[in-house]
């Protein structure tokens, strides 16, 4: 939770008003400045006093990744679910996902569809909500996904599964035993790759359980200044180094540089489309502030050789903006054929 006082009551009430009640709500306030934590402490004092709700507070803003990892460490139940502080559950959500997880002894149960609001973010009685789903590998009933690693990789690479972790219920022991946690760089997409490839039993369900609020004040709609571009570049480099270790420890990726590149390019593409293209970072061209930020990020890792990656980064993004913003939708990895792996 961070600065969500105006949404948090609907969020918490949706979790409290479940048909399934054997659970604990853990809320970690990430040093909000709008008194969100004080509001929760007062509004839900009764639930906190009996242990139904546990309210934690960070002494300073630690970032979303730290906050989510802290919540996972604090959890003690058999299963864990992540609920964003401006979103909501439908009343049957926990009962349905728990039942499916128990029936199939699943490591992960994934919601193949969810509801999303209009851009105004309003959720009221009678509000029209859109169903969001993927065309790839839809299911019409709970279905166990193939354990073939190629099929699992396709599921991730072709976006047959929503990358964001809130659309799943996880067996907590599965996360702990595989040391699965969020990284600071491209956290949800990378986290999804790891759990999809590692889960012994992965189930999809078509039942709607989650309401995503497309709120106009969420972080993904905020401006993306040059300093955030610089951090993003540094995150890419950290991601590359992390993937080197990941590939070395996963049989499916060992000795297959094409498959490794396919993974890297997909992660970079998702992030670039989400942050740089979506936020129209290059709409004013290569400004002095943007150039300094990009060059400083590359200089941190490449030293005096920074001008070349700086030029290439500017070149591709300026070309993208001046021609077609969807150019990254077809990065230069399309010639690799998974079926031949």
C-alpha atoms as a PDB file:
ATOM      1  CA  UNK A   1       0.000   0.000   0.000  1.00  0.00           C
ATOM      2  CA  UNK A   2       1.282   3.424  -0.959  1.00  0.00           C
ATOM      3  CA  UNK A   3      -0.928   6.539  -0.980  1.00  0.00           C
ATOM      4  CA  UNK A   4      -4.159   4.636  -1.567  1.00  0.00           C
ATOM      5  CA  UNK A   5      -6.370   6.067   1.178  1.00  0.00           C
ATOM      6  CA  UNK A   6      -9.071   6.815  -1.405  1.00  0.00           C
ATOM      7  CA  UNK A   7      -9.209   3.188  -2.619  1.00  0.00           C
ATOM      8  CA  UNK A   8      -8.025   1.044   0.273  1.00  0.00           C
ATOM      9  CA  UNK A   9     -11.412   0.618   1.986  1.00  0.00           C
ATOM     10  CA  UNK A  10     -12.986  -0.943  -1.106  1.00  0.00           C
ATOM     11  CA  UNK A  11      -9.906  -3.139  -1.502  1.00  0.00           C
ATOM     12  CA  UNK A  12      -9.849  -4.435   2.084  1.00  0.00           C
ATOM     13  CA  UNK A  13     -13.622  -4.873   2.260  1.00  0.00           C
ATOM     14  CA  UNK A  14     -13.506  -7.027  -0.883  1.00  0.00           C
ATOM     15  CA  UNK A  15     -11.028  -9.300   0.908  1.00  0.00           C
ATOM     16  CA  UNK A  16     -13.004  -9.371   4.146  1.00  0.00           C
ATOM     17  CA  UNK A  17     -16.295 -10.155   2.415  1.00  0.00           C
ATOM     18  CA  UNK A  18     -15.188 -13.475   0.979  1.00  0.00           C
ATOM     19  CA  UNK A  19     -17.235 -16.665   1.114  1.00  0.00           C
ATOM     20  CA  UNK A  20     -14.006 -18.378   2.250  1.00  0.00           C
ATOM     21  CA  UNK A  21     -12.790 -17.029   5.601  1.00  0.00           C
ATOM     22  CA  UNK A  22      -9.765 -19.084   6.717  1.00  0.00           C
ATOM     23  CA  UNK A  23      -7.087 -16.544   5.859  1.00  0.00           C
ATOM     24  CA  UNK A  24      -5.068 -13.596   7.132  1.00  0.00           C
ATOM     25  CA  UNK A  25      -4.716 -10.193   5.469  1.00  0.00           C
ATOM     26  CA  UNK A  26      -1.229  -8.679   5.674  1.00  0.00           C
ATOM     27  CA  UNK A  27      -0.883  -5.036   4.697  1.00  0.00           C
ATOM     28  CA  UNK A  28       2.491  -3.325   4.407  1.00  0.00           C
ATOM     29  CA  UNK A  29       2.364   0.454   4.118  1.00  0.00           C
ATOM     30  CA  UNK A  30       5.351   1.737   2.155  1.00  0.00           C
ATOM     31  CA  UNK A  31       5.694   5.054   4.026  1.00  0.00           C
ATOM     32  CA  UNK A  32       2.568   6.656   2.572  1.00  0.00           C
ATOM     33  CA  UNK A  33       2.250  10.414   2.908  1.00  0.00           C
ATOM     34  CA  UNK A  34      -1.562  10.500   2.691  1.00  0.00           C
ATOM     35  CA  UNK A  35      -2.187   8.828   6.094  1.00  0.00           C
ATOM     36  CA  UNK A  36      -3.233   5.538   4.469  1.00  0.00           C
ATOM     37  CA  UNK A  37      -1.801   3.508   7.349  1.00  0.00           C
ATOM     38  CA  UNK A  38      -3.496   5.631  10.011  1.00  0.00           C
ATOM     39  CA  UNK A  39      -6.803   5.280   8.177  1.00  0.00           C
ATOM     40  CA  UNK A  40      -6.458   1.482   8.047  1.00  0.00           C
ATOM     41  CA  UNK A  41      -5.431   1.316  11.715  1.00  0.00           C
ATOM     42  CA  UNK A  42      -8.556   3.225  12.744  1.00  0.00           C
ATOM     43  CA  UNK A  43     -11.069   1.840  10.259  1.00  0.00           C
ATOM     44  CA  UNK A  44     -10.095  -1.800  10.836  1.00  0.00           C
ATOM     45  CA  UNK A  45      -9.094  -1.663  14.497  1.00  0.00           C
ATOM     46  CA  UNK A  46     -11.393  -4.582  15.365  1.00  0.00           C
ATOM     47  CA  UNK A  47      -9.961  -6.848  12.651  1.00  0.00           C
ATOM     48  CA  UNK A  48      -6.424  -5.906  13.647  1.00  0.00           C
ATOM     49  CA  UNK A  49      -7.109  -6.610  17.331  1.00  0.00           C
ATOM     50  CA  UNK A  50      -8.246 -10.192  16.625  1.00  0.00           C
ATOM     51  CA  UNK A  51      -5.419 -10.892  14.156  1.00  0.00           C
ATOM     52  CA  UNK A  52      -7.534 -11.015  10.991  1.00  0.00           C
ATOM     53  CA  UNK A  53      -5.503  -8.101   9.637  1.00  0.00           C
ATOM     54  CA  UNK A  54      -1.799  -7.521  10.269  1.00  0.00           C
ATOM     55  CA  UNK A  55      -0.678  -3.969   9.525  1.00  0.00           C
ATOM     56  CA  UNK A  56       3.019  -3.354   8.903  1.00  0.00           C
ATOM     57  CA  UNK A  57       4.748  -0.055   8.168  1.00  0.00           C
ATOM     58  CA  UNK A  58       8.063   0.686   6.489  1.00  0.00           C
ATOM     59  CA  UNK A  59       9.975   3.509   8.145  1.00  0.00           C
ATOM     60  CA  UNK A  60      10.848   4.839   4.694  1.00  0.00           C
ATOM     61  CA  UNK A  61       9.718   4.090   1.154  1.00  0.00           C
ATOM     62  CA  UNK A  62      11.563   0.930   0.135  1.00  0.00           C
ATOM     63  CA  UNK A  63      10.037   0.519  -3.319  1.00  0.00           C
ATOM     64  CA  UNK A  64       7.367  -1.869  -4.498  1.00  0.00           C
ATOM     65  CA  UNK A  65       9.682  -4.853  -4.946  1.00  0.00           C
ATOM     66  CA  UNK A  66      10.964  -4.738  -1.357  1.00  0.00           C
ATOM     67  CA  UNK A  67       7.433  -4.270  -0.077  1.00  0.00           C
ATOM     68  CA  UNK A  68       6.066  -7.310  -1.928  1.00  0.00           C
ATOM     69  CA  UNK A  69       8.976  -9.511  -0.868  1.00  0.00           C
ATOM     70  CA  UNK A  70       8.437  -8.445   2.745  1.00  0.00           C
ATOM     71  CA  UNK A  71       4.780  -9.444   2.508  1.00  0.00           C
ATOM     72  CA  UNK A  72       5.745 -12.876   1.157  1.00  0.00           C
ATOM     73  CA  UNK A  73       8.221 -13.358   4.021  1.00  0.00           C
ATOM     74  CA  UNK A  74       5.552 -12.417   6.574  1.00  0.00           C
ATOM     75  CA  UNK A  75       3.002 -14.885   5.189  1.00  0.00           C
ATOM     76  CA  UNK A  76       2.408 -18.104   7.132  1.00  0.00           C
ATOM     77  CA  UNK A  77      -0.514 -19.720   5.301  1.00  0.00           C
ATOM     78  CA  UNK A  78      -0.392 -22.692   2.952  1.00  0.00           C
ATOM     79  CA  UNK A  79      -1.168 -20.381   0.036  1.00  0.00           C
ATOM     80  CA  UNK A  80      -0.450 -16.731  -0.736  1.00  0.00           C
ATOM     81  CA  UNK A  81      -2.174 -14.234  -3.008  1.00  0.00           C
ATOM     82  CA  UNK A  82      -1.186 -10.677  -3.866  1.00  0.00           C
ATOM     83  CA  UNK A  83      -3.841  -7.963  -3.969  1.00  0.00           C
ATOM     84  CA  UNK A  84      -2.929  -4.478  -5.178  1.00  0.00           C
ATOM     85  CA  UNK A  85      -4.198  -1.778  -2.845  1.00  0.00           C
ATOM     86  CA  UNK A  86      -6.440  -0.177  -5.460  1.00  0.00           C
ATOM     87  CA  UNK A  87      -7.893  -3.454  -6.803  1.00  0.00           C
ATOM     88  CA  UNK A  88     -10.625  -5.789  -5.560  1.00  0.00           C
ATOM     89  CA  UNK A  89     -11.641  -9.450  -5.312  1.00  0.00           C
ATOM     90  CA  UNK A  90     -15.003 -10.835  -6.308  1.00  0.00           C
ATOM     91  CA  UNK A  91     -16.690 -12.522  -3.287  1.00  0.00           C
ATOM     92  CA  UNK A  92     -15.990 -16.101  -4.454  1.00  0.00           C
ATOM     93  CA  UNK A  93     -12.319 -15.525  -5.388  1.00  0.00           C
ATOM     94  CA  UNK A  94     -10.552 -17.164  -2.447  1.00  0.00           C
ATOM     95  CA  UNK A  95     -12.989 -20.075  -2.231  1.00  0.00           C
ATOM     96  CA  UNK A  96     -12.627 -20.901  -5.914  1.00  0.00           C
ATOM     97  CA  UNK A  97      -8.849 -20.586  -6.120  1.00  0.00           C
ATOM     98  CA  UNK A  98      -8.311 -22.513  -2.873  1.00  0.00           C
ATOM     99  CA  UNK A  99     -10.600 -25.322  -4.042  1.00  0.00           C
ATOM    100  CA  UNK A 100      -8.781 -25.634  -7.379  1.00  0.00           C
ATOM    101  CA  UNK A 101      -5.346 -25.535  -5.729  1.00  0.00           C
ATOM    102  CA  UNK A 102      -6.324 -28.271  -3.278  1.00  0.00           C
ATOM    103  CA  UNK A 103      -8.054 -30.436  -5.890  1.00  0.00           C
ATOM    104  CA  UNK A 104      -5.049 -30.487  -8.222  1.00  0.00           C
ATOM    105  CA  UNK A 105      -2.358 -30.170  -5.535  1.00  0.00           C
ATOM    106  CA  UNK A 106      -1.175 -27.195  -7.563  1.00  0.00           C
ATOM    107  CA  UNK A 107       1.904 -25.077  -7.080  1.00  0.00           C
ATOM    108  CA  UNK A 108       0.165 -22.246  -8.936  1.00  0.00           C
ATOM    109  CA  UNK A 109      -3.402 -21.597 -10.078  1.00  0.00           C
ATOM    110  CA  UNK A 110      -3.683 -18.845 -12.661  1.00  0.00           C
ATOM    111  CA  UNK A 111      -6.727 -16.735 -13.485  1.00  0.00           C
ATOM    112  CA  UNK A 112      -6.943 -16.767 -17.278  1.00  0.00           C
ATOM    113  CA  UNK A 113      -9.355 -13.806 -17.249  1.00  0.00           C
ATOM    114  CA  UNK A 114      -9.943 -10.789 -15.034  1.00  0.00           C
ATOM    115  CA  UNK A 115     -12.115  -7.685 -14.968  1.00  0.00           C
ATOM    116  CA  UNK A 116     -10.713  -4.203 -15.611  1.00  0.00           C
ATOM    117  CA  UNK A 117     -12.290  -0.802 -15.134  1.00  0.00           C
ATOM    118  CA  UNK A 118     -12.545   2.115 -17.512  1.00  0.00           C
ATOM    119  CA  UNK A 119      -9.629   4.629 -17.362  1.00  0.00           C
ATOM    120  CA  UNK A 120     -11.492   6.647 -14.724  1.00  0.00           C
ATOM    121  CA  UNK A 121     -10.947   3.808 -12.247  1.00  0.00           C
ATOM    122  CA  UNK A 122     -14.483   3.991 -10.845  1.00  0.00           C
ATOM    123  CA  UNK A 123     -15.923   0.828  -9.281  1.00  0.00           C
ATOM    124  CA  UNK A 124     -19.517   1.249  -8.168  1.00  0.00           C
ATOM    125  CA  UNK A 125     -22.703  -0.783  -8.342  1.00  0.00           C
ATOM    126  CA  UNK A 126     -23.686  -0.909 -11.992  1.00  0.00           C
ATOM    127  CA  UNK A 127     -20.234   0.076 -13.270  1.00  0.00           C
ATOM    128  CA  UNK A 128     -19.467  -1.662 -16.556  1.00  0.00           C
ATOM    129  CA  UNK A 129     -16.245  -3.668 -16.429  1.00  0.00           C
ATOM    130  CA  UNK A 130     -14.317  -5.173 -19.322  1.00  0.00           C
ATOM    131  CA  UNK A 131     -13.142  -8.794 -19.371  1.00  0.00           C
ATOM    132  CA  UNK A 132      -9.429  -9.007 -20.110  1.00  0.00           C
ATOM    133  CA  UNK A 133      -8.115 -12.283 -21.526  1.00  0.00           C
ATOM    134  CA  UNK A 134      -5.482 -13.700 -23.890  1.00  0.00           C
ATOM    135  CA  UNK A 135      -6.146 -15.361 -27.221  1.00  0.00           C
ATOM    136  CA  UNK A 136      -3.345 -17.881 -26.717  1.00  0.00           C
ATOM    137  CA  UNK A 137      -4.321 -21.111 -24.913  1.00  0.00           C
ATOM    138  CA  UNK A 138      -7.661 -20.130 -23.415  1.00  0.00           C
ATOM    139  CA  UNK A 139      -9.472 -22.639 -21.177  1.00  0.00           C
ATOM    140  CA  UNK A 140     -13.192 -23.169 -20.591  1.00  0.00           C
ATOM    141  CA  UNK A 141     -12.731 -25.094 -17.328  1.00  0.00           C
ATOM    142  CA  UNK A 142      -9.894 -25.574 -14.817  1.00  0.00           C
ATOM    143  CA  UNK A 143      -7.101 -27.268 -16.737  1.00  0.00           C
ATOM    144  CA  UNK A 144      -3.637 -28.524 -15.813  1.00  0.00           C
ATOM    145  CA  UNK A 145      -1.044 -27.060 -18.166  1.00  0.00           C
ATOM    146  CA  UNK A 146       1.486 -29.262 -19.925  1.00  0.00           C
ATOM    147  CA  UNK A 147       4.732 -29.888 -18.051  1.00  0.00           C
ATOM    148  CA  UNK A 148       6.689 -29.975 -21.342  1.00  0.00           C
ATOM    149  CA  UNK A 149       9.290 -27.201 -20.928  1.00  0.00           C
ATOM    150  CA  UNK A 150       8.842 -26.035 -24.536  1.00  0.00           C
ATOM    151  CA  UNK A 151       5.098 -25.665 -24.021  1.00  0.00           C
ATOM    152  CA  UNK A 152       5.717 -23.874 -20.728  1.00  0.00           C
ATOM    153  CA  UNK A 153       8.144 -21.495 -22.397  1.00  0.00           C
ATOM    154  CA  UNK A 154       5.646 -20.780 -25.163  1.00  0.00           C
ATOM    155  CA  UNK A 155       3.059 -20.038 -22.505  1.00  0.00           C
ATOM    156  CA  UNK A 156       5.353 -17.329 -21.152  1.00  0.00           C
ATOM    157  CA  UNK A 157       6.830 -16.024 -24.388  1.00  0.00           C
ATOM    158  CA  UNK A 158       3.524 -15.804 -26.272  1.00  0.00           C
ATOM    159  CA  UNK A 159       1.873 -14.142 -23.269  1.00  0.00           C
ATOM    160  CA  UNK A 160      -0.629 -16.927 -22.765  1.00  0.00           C
ATOM    161  CA  UNK A 161      -0.370 -16.132 -19.057  1.00  0.00           C
ATOM    162  CA  UNK A 162      -0.702 -12.728 -17.460  1.00  0.00           C
ATOM    163  CA  UNK A 163       2.722 -11.722 -16.189  1.00  0.00           C
ATOM    164  CA  UNK A 164       1.522  -9.805 -13.129  1.00  0.00           C
ATOM    165  CA  UNK A 165       1.587 -11.959 -10.001  1.00  0.00           C
ATOM    166  CA  UNK A 166      -1.750 -10.786  -8.586  1.00  0.00           C
ATOM    167  CA  UNK A 167      -3.657 -13.077 -10.953  1.00  0.00           C
ATOM    168  CA  UNK A 168      -2.440 -16.225  -9.193  1.00  0.00           C
ATOM    169  CA  UNK A 169      -2.655 -18.211  -6.013  1.00  0.00           C
ATOM    170  CA  UNK A 170       0.739 -19.682  -5.043  1.00  0.00           C
ATOM    171  CA  UNK A 171       1.613 -22.573  -2.776  1.00  0.00           C
ATOM    172  CA  UNK A 172       3.887 -20.826  -0.296  1.00  0.00           C
ATOM    173  CA  UNK A 173       6.211 -23.825   0.095  1.00  0.00           C
ATOM    174  CA  UNK A 174       6.701 -23.853  -3.679  1.00  0.00           C
ATOM    175  CA  UNK A 175       7.891 -20.236  -3.575  1.00  0.00           C
ATOM    176  CA  UNK A 176      10.145 -20.866  -0.565  1.00  0.00           C
ATOM    177  CA  UNK A 177      11.707 -24.101  -1.807  1.00  0.00           C
ATOM    178  CA  UNK A 178      12.552 -22.534  -5.168  1.00  0.00           C
ATOM    179  CA  UNK A 179      13.704 -19.241  -3.610  1.00  0.00           C
ATOM    180  CA  UNK A 180      11.244 -17.348  -5.812  1.00  0.00           C
ATOM    181  CA  UNK A 181      11.046 -13.644  -5.074  1.00  0.00           C
ATOM    182  CA  UNK A 182      10.778 -10.407  -6.979  1.00  0.00           C
ATOM    183  CA  UNK A 183      13.869  -8.739  -8.383  1.00  0.00           C
ATOM    184  CA  UNK A 184      14.310  -4.971  -8.752  1.00  0.00           C
ATOM    185  CA  UNK A 185      14.508  -5.306 -12.534  1.00  0.00           C
ATOM    186  CA  UNK A 186      11.474  -6.213 -14.681  1.00  0.00           C
ATOM    187  CA  UNK A 187      10.141  -7.975 -11.617  1.00  0.00           C
ATOM    188  CA  UNK A 188       6.782  -9.445 -12.648  1.00  0.00           C
ATOM    189  CA  UNK A 189       7.748 -10.727 -16.109  1.00  0.00           C
ATOM    190  CA  UNK A 190      10.913 -12.351 -14.783  1.00  0.00           C
ATOM    191  CA  UNK A 191       9.068 -13.760 -11.763  1.00  0.00           C
ATOM    192  CA  UNK A 192       6.488 -15.253 -14.141  1.00  0.00           C
ATOM    193  CA  UNK A 193       9.201 -16.923 -16.235  1.00  0.00           C
ATOM    194  CA  UNK A 194      10.644 -18.553 -13.136  1.00  0.00           C
ATOM    195  CA  UNK A 195       7.418 -19.868 -11.658  1.00  0.00           C
ATOM    196  CA  UNK A 196       6.057 -21.037 -15.019  1.00  0.00           C
ATOM    197  CA  UNK A 197       9.228 -23.034 -15.703  1.00  0.00           C
ATOM    198  CA  UNK A 198       9.555 -24.407 -12.142  1.00  0.00           C
ATOM    199  CA  UNK A 199       5.982 -25.250 -11.118  1.00  0.00           C
ATOM    200  CA  UNK A 200       5.332 -28.997 -11.128  1.00  0.00           C
ATOM    201  CA  UNK A 201       1.570 -28.466 -11.321  1.00  0.00           C
ATOM    202  CA  UNK A 202       0.312 -25.287 -13.012  1.00  0.00           C
ATOM    203  CA  UNK A 203      -3.449 -24.905 -13.450  1.00  0.00           C
ATOM    204  CA  UNK A 204      -5.476 -22.321 -15.385  1.00  0.00           C
ATOM    205  CA  UNK A 205      -9.022 -21.395 -14.486  1.00  0.00           C
ATOM    206  CA  UNK A 206     -11.434 -19.272 -16.555  1.00  0.00           C
ATOM    207  CA  UNK A 207     -13.432 -18.132 -13.512  1.00  0.00           C
ATOM    208  CA  UNK A 208     -13.353 -14.377 -12.977  1.00  0.00           C
ATOM    209  CA  UNK A 209     -11.953 -13.526  -9.538  1.00  0.00           C
ATOM    210  CA  UNK A 210     -10.066 -10.231  -9.762  1.00  0.00           C
ATOM    211  CA  UNK A 211     -11.035  -6.625 -10.541  1.00  0.00           C
ATOM    212  CA  UNK A 212      -8.149  -4.467 -11.748  1.00  0.00           C
ATOM    213  CA  UNK A 213      -8.684  -0.760 -11.225  1.00  0.00           C
ATOM    214  CA  UNK A 214      -7.278   1.181 -14.162  1.00  0.00           C
ATOM    215  CA  UNK A 215      -6.806   4.162 -11.879  1.00  0.00           C
ATOM    216  CA  UNK A 216      -5.571   7.418 -13.452  1.00  0.00           C
ATOM    217  CA  UNK A 217      -3.149   8.088 -10.582  1.00  0.00           C
ATOM    218  CA  UNK A 218      -1.295   4.777 -10.542  1.00  0.00           C
ATOM    219  CA  UNK A 219       2.468   4.716 -11.038  1.00  0.00           C
ATOM    220  CA  UNK A 220       2.268   3.244 -14.537  1.00  0.00           C
ATOM    221  CA  UNK A 221       0.456   6.394 -15.679  1.00  0.00           C
ATOM    222  CA  UNK A 222       2.974   8.785 -14.155  1.00  0.00           C
ATOM    223  CA  UNK A 223       5.552  10.756 -16.096  1.00  0.00           C
ATOM    224  CA  UNK A 224       8.803   9.012 -16.956  1.00  0.00           C
ATOM    225  CA  UNK A 225      11.594  11.579 -16.464  1.00  0.00           C
ATOM    226  CA  UNK A 226      15.191  11.086 -17.699  1.00  0.00           C
ATOM    227  CA  UNK A 227      16.427   9.837 -14.335  1.00  0.00           C
ATOM    228  CA  UNK A 228      13.945   6.957 -14.508  1.00  0.00           C
ATOM    229  CA  UNK A 229      15.224   6.114 -17.988  1.00  0.00           C
ATOM    230  CA  UNK A 230      18.754   5.935 -16.558  1.00  0.00           C
ATOM    231  CA  UNK A 231      17.595   3.606 -13.785  1.00  0.00           C
ATOM    232  CA  UNK A 232      15.786   1.448 -16.334  1.00  0.00           C
ATOM    233  CA  UNK A 233      18.996   1.016 -18.342  1.00  0.00           C
ATOM    234  CA  UNK A 234      20.894   0.042 -15.188  1.00  0.00           C
ATOM    235  CA  UNK A 235      18.116  -2.437 -14.396  1.00  0.00           C
ATOM    236  CA  UNK A 236      18.540  -3.983 -17.868  1.00  0.00           C
ATOM    237  CA  UNK A 237      22.206  -4.594 -17.195  1.00  0.00           C
ATOM    238  CA  UNK A 238      21.466  -6.124 -13.785  1.00  0.00           C
ATOM    239  CA  UNK A 239      18.818  -8.267 -15.465  1.00  0.00           C
ATOM    240  CA  UNK A 240      21.334  -9.530 -18.044  1.00  0.00           C
ATOM    241  CA  UNK A 241      23.723 -10.568 -15.292  1.00  0.00           C
ATOM    242  CA  UNK A 242      20.969 -12.272 -13.332  1.00  0.00           C
ATOM    243  CA  UNK A 243      19.865 -14.172 -16.439  1.00  0.00           C
ATOM    244  CA  UNK A 244      23.390 -15.479 -17.018  1.00  0.00           C
ATOM    245  CA  UNK A 245      23.160 -17.244 -13.665  1.00  0.00           C
ATOM    246  CA  UNK A 246      19.577 -18.354 -14.272  1.00  0.00           C
ATOM    247  CA  UNK A 247      20.423 -19.891 -17.658  1.00  0.00           C
ATOM    248  CA  UNK A 248      23.431 -21.689 -16.203  1.00  0.00           C
ATOM    249  CA  UNK A 249      21.245 -23.439 -13.625  1.00  0.00           C
ATOM    250  CA  UNK A 250      18.310 -24.391 -15.865  1.00  0.00           C
ATOM    251  CA  UNK A 251      18.712 -27.446 -18.109  1.00  0.00           C
ATOM    252  CA  UNK A 252      16.173 -26.101 -20.599  1.00  0.00           C
ATOM    253  CA  UNK A 253      18.349 -23.067 -21.353  1.00  0.00           C
ATOM    254  CA  UNK A 254      21.849 -24.556 -21.056  1.00  0.00           C
ATOM    255  CA  UNK A 255      23.815 -24.664 -24.286  1.00  0.00           C
ATOM    256  CA  UNK A 256      21.077 -22.897 -26.235  1.00  0.00           C
ATOM    257  CA  UNK A 257      22.150 -19.320 -26.972  1.00  0.00           C
ATOM    258  CA  UNK A 258      19.202 -18.756 -29.344  1.00  0.00           C
ATOM    259  CA  UNK A 259      16.715 -19.626 -26.605  1.00  0.00           C
ATOM    260  CA  UNK A 260      18.594 -17.446 -24.146  1.00  0.00           C
ATOM    261  CA  UNK A 261      18.470 -14.516 -26.562  1.00  0.00           C
ATOM    262  CA  UNK A 262      14.757 -15.124 -27.147  1.00  0.00           C
ATOM    263  CA  UNK A 263      14.210 -14.818 -23.396  1.00  0.00           C
ATOM    264  CA  UNK A 264      16.348 -11.704 -23.007  1.00  0.00           C
ATOM    265  CA  UNK A 265      14.812  -9.920 -25.965  1.00  0.00           C
ATOM    266  CA  UNK A 266      11.288 -10.662 -24.749  1.00  0.00           C
ATOM    267  CA  UNK A 267      12.044  -9.263 -21.297  1.00  0.00           C
ATOM    268  CA  UNK A 268      13.600  -6.127 -22.784  1.00  0.00           C
ATOM    269  CA  UNK A 269      10.730  -5.728 -25.258  1.00  0.00           C
ATOM    270  CA  UNK A 270       8.063  -5.961 -22.554  1.00  0.00           C
ATOM    271  CA  UNK A 271       9.847  -3.386 -20.422  1.00  0.00           C
ATOM    272  CA  UNK A 272      10.601  -0.992 -23.288  1.00  0.00           C
ATOM    273  CA  UNK A 273       7.030  -1.095 -24.566  1.00  0.00           C
ATOM    274  CA  UNK A 274       5.620  -0.589 -21.091  1.00  0.00           C
ATOM    275  CA  UNK A 275       7.866   2.248 -19.947  1.00  0.00           C
ATOM    276  CA  UNK A 276       9.551   3.988 -22.902  1.00  0.00           C
ATOM    277  CA  UNK A 277       7.044   3.590 -25.761  1.00  0.00           C
ATOM    278  CA  UNK A 278       3.899   3.852 -23.655  1.00  0.00           C
ATOM    279  CA  UNK A 279       5.153   7.005 -21.909  1.00  0.00           C
ATOM    280  CA  UNK A 280       6.322   8.597 -25.189  1.00  0.00           C
ATOM    281  CA  UNK A 281       9.713   9.351 -23.678  1.00  0.00           C
ATOM    282  CA  UNK A 282      11.168  10.384 -27.068  1.00  0.00           C
ATOM    283  CA  UNK A 283       8.244  12.589 -28.154  1.00  0.00           C
ATOM    284  CA  UNK A 284      10.499  15.686 -27.901  1.00  0.00           C
ATOM    285  CA  UNK A 285      13.469  13.967 -29.493  1.00  0.00           C
ATOM    286  CA  UNK A 286      16.834  13.544 -27.780  1.00  0.00           C
ATOM    287  CA  UNK A 287      16.808  16.386 -25.287  1.00  0.00           C
ATOM    288  CA  UNK A 288      20.034  17.350 -23.448  1.00  0.00           C
ATOM    289  CA  UNK A 289      18.546  16.065 -20.175  1.00  0.00           C
ATOM    290  CA  UNK A 290      17.621  12.727 -21.707  1.00  0.00           C
ATOM    291  CA  UNK A 291      21.017  12.368 -23.388  1.00  0.00           C
ATOM    292  CA  UNK A 292      22.890  13.067 -20.149  1.00  0.00           C
ATOM    293  CA  UNK A 293      20.788  10.553 -18.248  1.00  0.00           C
ATOM    294  CA  UNK A 294      21.222   7.780 -20.824  1.00  0.00           C
ATOM    295  CA  UNK A 295      24.944   8.386 -21.209  1.00  0.00           C
ATOM    296  CA  UNK A 296      25.498   8.454 -17.453  1.00  0.00           C
ATOM    297  CA  UNK A 297      23.808   5.064 -17.088  1.00  0.00           C
ATOM    298  CA  UNK A 298      25.929   3.455 -19.799  1.00  0.00           C
ATOM    299  CA  UNK A 299      29.088   5.166 -18.545  1.00  0.00           C
ATOM    300  CA  UNK A 300      28.588   3.518 -15.147  1.00  0.00           C
ATOM    301  CA  UNK A 301      29.042   0.108 -16.777  1.00  0.00           C
ATOM    302  CA  UNK A 302      30.951   0.771 -20.017  1.00  0.00           C
ATOM    303  CA  UNK A 303      33.230   3.637 -18.997  1.00  0.00           C
ATOM    304  CA  UNK A 304      34.812   5.410 -21.942  1.00  0.00           C
ATOM    305  CA  UNK A 305      32.985   3.058 -24.347  1.00  0.00           C
ATOM    306  CA  UNK A 306      29.604   4.511 -23.316  1.00  0.00           C
ATOM    307  CA  UNK A 307      29.066   6.670 -26.461  1.00  0.00           C
ATOM    308  CA  UNK A 308      28.308   3.677 -28.714  1.00  0.00           C
ATOM    309  CA  UNK A 309      25.510   2.085 -26.597  1.00  0.00           C
ATOM    310  CA  UNK A 310      24.221   5.608 -25.896  1.00  0.00           C
ATOM    311  CA  UNK A 311      23.981   6.299 -29.637  1.00  0.00           C
ATOM    312  CA  UNK A 312      22.317   2.955 -30.349  1.00  0.00           C
ATOM    313  CA  UNK A 313      19.775   3.458 -27.582  1.00  0.00           C
ATOM    314  CA  UNK A 314      18.853   6.927 -28.872  1.00  0.00           C
ATOM    315  CA  UNK A 315      18.842   5.773 -32.482  1.00  0.00           C
ATOM    316  CA  UNK A 316      16.368   2.926 -32.066  1.00  0.00           C
ATOM    317  CA  UNK A 317      14.011   4.942 -29.872  1.00  0.00           C
ATOM    318  CA  UNK A 318      14.062   8.042 -32.067  1.00  0.00           C
ATOM    319  CA  UNK A 319      13.409   5.836 -35.116  1.00  0.00           C
ATOM    320  CA  UNK A 320      10.591   4.083 -33.307  1.00  0.00           C
ATOM    321  CA  UNK A 321       8.875   7.289 -32.382  1.00  0.00           C
ATOM    322  CA  UNK A 322       9.290   8.870 -35.806  1.00  0.00           C
ATOM    323  CA  UNK A 323       8.060   5.789 -37.663  1.00  0.00           C
ATOM    324  CA  UNK A 324       5.850   3.372 -35.731  1.00  0.00           C
ATOM    325  CA  UNK A 325       5.573   3.023 -31.967  1.00  0.00           C
ATOM    326  CA  UNK A 326       4.888  -0.698 -32.336  1.00  0.00           C
ATOM    327  CA  UNK A 327       8.228  -1.522 -33.996  1.00  0.00           C
ATOM    328  CA  UNK A 328       9.356  -3.297 -30.844  1.00  0.00           C
ATOM    329  CA  UNK A 329       6.426  -5.667 -31.087  1.00  0.00           C
ATOM    330  CA  UNK A 330       8.514  -7.602 -33.628  1.00  0.00           C
ATOM    331  CA  UNK A 331      12.084  -7.559 -32.277  1.00  0.00           C
ATOM    332  CA  UNK A 332      14.833  -9.332 -34.244  1.00  0.00           C
ATOM    333  CA  UNK A 333      14.271 -12.739 -32.668  1.00  0.00           C
ATOM    334  CA  UNK A 334      11.423 -13.919 -34.896  1.00  0.00           C
ATOM    335  CA  UNK A 335      13.682 -16.239 -36.911  1.00  0.00           C
ATOM    336  CA  UNK A 336      14.198 -18.547 -33.926  1.00  0.00           C
ATOM    337  CA  UNK A 337      11.663 -21.374 -34.082  1.00  0.00           C
ATOM    338  CA  UNK A 338      10.762 -22.937 -30.751  1.00  0.00           C
ATOM    339  CA  UNK A 339       9.493 -26.181 -32.261  1.00  0.00           C
ATOM    340  CA  UNK A 340      12.996 -26.892 -33.515  1.00  0.00           C
ATOM    341  CA  UNK A 341      14.517 -26.622 -30.031  1.00  0.00           C
END
